[in-house]
Amino acid sequence: MINHYLLQSFQVDEALNVEEQVRADIKSLETCPYSVKTFGEILSKIQKSVDALSLKQYSNLAKWVQHIDMEVEKRLAARLEAGIAAWTACLEGRGDNEEINDDTEESELKEMTHKLGGDPQVF
C-alpha cells in the first residue's frame, strides 16, 4: 500500500515538474530570438514533454494539451503580428518604436531580451 502512494506521489511531482518546465518554455516564446530555429527548438522541447507524459498515460492529458496549444498559439500570433509591424516599419523607413505601445508595462520592457518582432534589415 505504501509503495502505491509513493508511486502516485512521484507521478504527481513529475507531472508538476513537467508542467512548470512547459510553462517556462511557453513564456520563453515571448522573449527568445526571432528565428525559425529558436522557435522550432522551443516547440520541439514542449512536444517532447507532452510525448513523455503521453507515454505514461497521464489522465486529462488531452485537455491540458489543448490549453498548452492555445497558449503557444497566442504567443506565436503576438510575435507574428509584431514581426509584420517591424517589417512594415522597416520597409517604410520608419523607426522601430512601433512595437512599444501604451499597453506595454515597464516591467515587460525590462524582461524583453529580444525585440518582439525581430530586427528586420533591408540590405
Protein backbone atom coordinates (compact mmCIF):
# COMPACT_ATOMS: atom_id res chain seq x y z
CA MET A 1 0.00 0.00 0.00
CA ILE A 2 2.82 2.42 0.84
CA ASN A 3 4.53 1.74 -2.49
CA HIS A 4 1.30 2.66 -4.30
CA TYR A 5 1.15 6.02 -2.52
CA LEU A 6 4.83 6.68 -3.18
CA LEU A 7 4.31 5.94 -6.86
CA GLN A 8 1.32 8.29 -7.02
CA SER A 9 3.27 10.98 -5.21
CA PHE A 10 6.17 10.57 -7.62
CA GLN A 11 3.80 10.80 -10.60
CA VAL A 12 2.22 13.98 -9.27
CA ASP A 13 5.63 15.55 -8.64
CA GLU A 14 6.78 14.53 -12.11
CA ALA A 15 3.68 15.99 -13.75
CA LEU A 16 4.06 19.24 -11.82
CA ASN A 17 7.73 19.50 -12.82
CA VAL A 18 6.87 18.90 -16.47
CA GLU A 19 4.09 21.48 -16.33
CA GLU A 20 6.42 24.04 -14.77
CA GLN A 21 9.04 23.43 -17.47
CA VAL A 22 6.47 23.64 -20.27
CA ARG A 23 5.15 26.92 -18.86
CA ALA A 24 8.69 28.30 -18.79
CA ASP A 25 9.23 27.15 -22.38
CA ILE A 26 5.99 28.80 -23.48
CA LYS A 27 6.96 32.02 -21.71
CA SER A 28 10.33 31.94 -23.48
CA LEU A 29 8.48 32.21 -26.82
CA GLU A 30 7.81 35.85 -25.87
CA THR A 31 11.46 36.83 -25.41
CA CYS A 32 13.53 34.42 -27.48
CA PRO A 33 15.37 35.46 -30.65
CA TYR A 34 13.02 35.92 -33.58
CA SER A 35 14.17 32.96 -35.64
CA VAL A 36 12.72 29.78 -37.07
CA LYS A 37 15.48 27.73 -35.45
CA THR A 38 14.81 29.09 -31.97
CA PHE A 39 11.04 28.75 -32.25
CA GLY A 40 11.50 25.20 -33.54
CA GLU A 41 13.79 24.23 -30.67
CA ILE A 42 11.34 25.54 -28.06
CA LEU A 43 8.34 23.88 -29.71
CA SER A 44 10.27 20.61 -30.01
CA LYS A 45 11.11 20.75 -26.31
CA ILE A 46 7.44 21.29 -25.44
CA GLN A 47 6.42 18.42 -27.72
CA LYS A 48 8.93 16.07 -26.08
CA SER A 49 7.48 16.90 -22.67
CA VAL A 50 3.95 16.21 -23.88
CA ASP A 51 5.08 12.95 -25.51
CA ALA A 52 6.74 11.82 -22.27
CA LEU A 53 3.51 12.36 -20.34
CA SER A 54 1.53 10.65 -23.06
CA LEU A 55 3.71 7.55 -22.90
CA LYS A 56 2.99 7.33 -19.19
CA GLN A 57 -0.73 7.66 -19.92
CA TYR A 58 -1.49 10.59 -17.62
CA SER A 59 -5.19 11.30 -17.26
CA ASN A 60 -6.69 14.54 -18.60
CA LEU A 61 -3.67 14.96 -20.86
CA ALA A 62 -5.78 15.89 -23.90
CA LYS A 63 -7.39 18.79 -22.04
CA TRP A 64 -4.02 20.02 -20.76
CA VAL A 65 -2.50 19.78 -24.25
CA GLN A 66 -5.41 21.77 -25.66
CA HIS A 67 -4.65 24.53 -23.13
CA ILE A 68 -0.94 24.40 -23.99
CA ASP A 69 -1.78 24.66 -27.70
CA MET A 70 -3.84 27.82 -27.08
CA GLU A 71 -1.05 29.39 -25.02
CA VAL A 72 1.58 28.64 -27.68
CA GLU A 73 -0.72 29.92 -30.43
CA LYS A 74 -1.36 33.15 -28.53
CA ARG A 75 2.35 33.87 -28.08
CA LEU A 76 3.32 32.95 -31.63
CA ALA A 77 0.49 35.09 -33.01
CA ALA A 78 1.73 38.07 -30.97
CA ARG A 79 5.27 37.54 -32.28
CA LEU A 80 3.96 37.27 -35.86
CA GLU A 81 1.94 40.48 -35.54
CA ALA A 82 4.98 42.26 -34.11
CA GLY A 83 7.15 40.85 -36.90
CA ILE A 84 4.76 42.12 -39.56
CA ALA A 85 4.71 45.54 -37.89
CA ALA A 86 8.51 45.59 -37.64
CA TRP A 87 8.97 44.63 -41.31
CA THR A 88 6.35 47.16 -42.40
CA ALA A 89 8.12 49.89 -40.45
CA CYS A 90 11.49 48.82 -41.84
CA LEU A 91 10.26 48.81 -45.43
CA GLU A 92 8.57 52.19 -44.94
CA GLY A 93 11.75 53.64 -43.42
CA ARG A 94 10.21 54.29 -40.01
CA GLY A 95 11.94 53.76 -36.68
CA ASP A 96 11.39 50.69 -34.52
CA ASN A 97 9.33 52.30 -31.76
CA GLU A 98 6.06 50.89 -33.08
CA GLU A 99 6.48 47.72 -31.04
CA ILE A 100 6.22 49.60 -27.77
CA ASN A 101 2.77 50.97 -27.09
CA ASP A 102 0.92 52.44 -24.14
CA ASP A 103 -0.25 48.97 -23.06
CA THR A 104 3.31 47.67 -22.64
CA GLU A 105 4.25 47.86 -18.98
CA GLU A 106 7.70 48.92 -17.83
CA SER A 107 8.38 45.52 -16.24
CA GLU A 108 7.58 43.83 -19.57
CA LEU A 109 10.04 46.10 -21.37
CA LYS A 110 12.81 45.17 -18.94
CA GLU A 111 12.06 41.45 -19.44
CA MET A 112 12.30 41.58 -23.24
CA THR A 113 15.67 40.27 -24.26
CA HIS A 114 14.91 40.42 -27.98
CA LYS A 115 12.58 42.65 -29.93
CA LEU A 116 9.12 41.15 -30.11
CA GLY A 117 9.05 41.47 -33.90
CA GLY A 118 12.69 40.71 -34.52
CA ASP A 119 15.16 43.13 -36.06
CA PRO A 120 14.41 43.26 -39.78
CA GLN A 121 17.05 44.78 -42.04
CA VAL A 122 16.96 45.55 -45.74
CA PHE A 123 20.33 45.50 -47.42
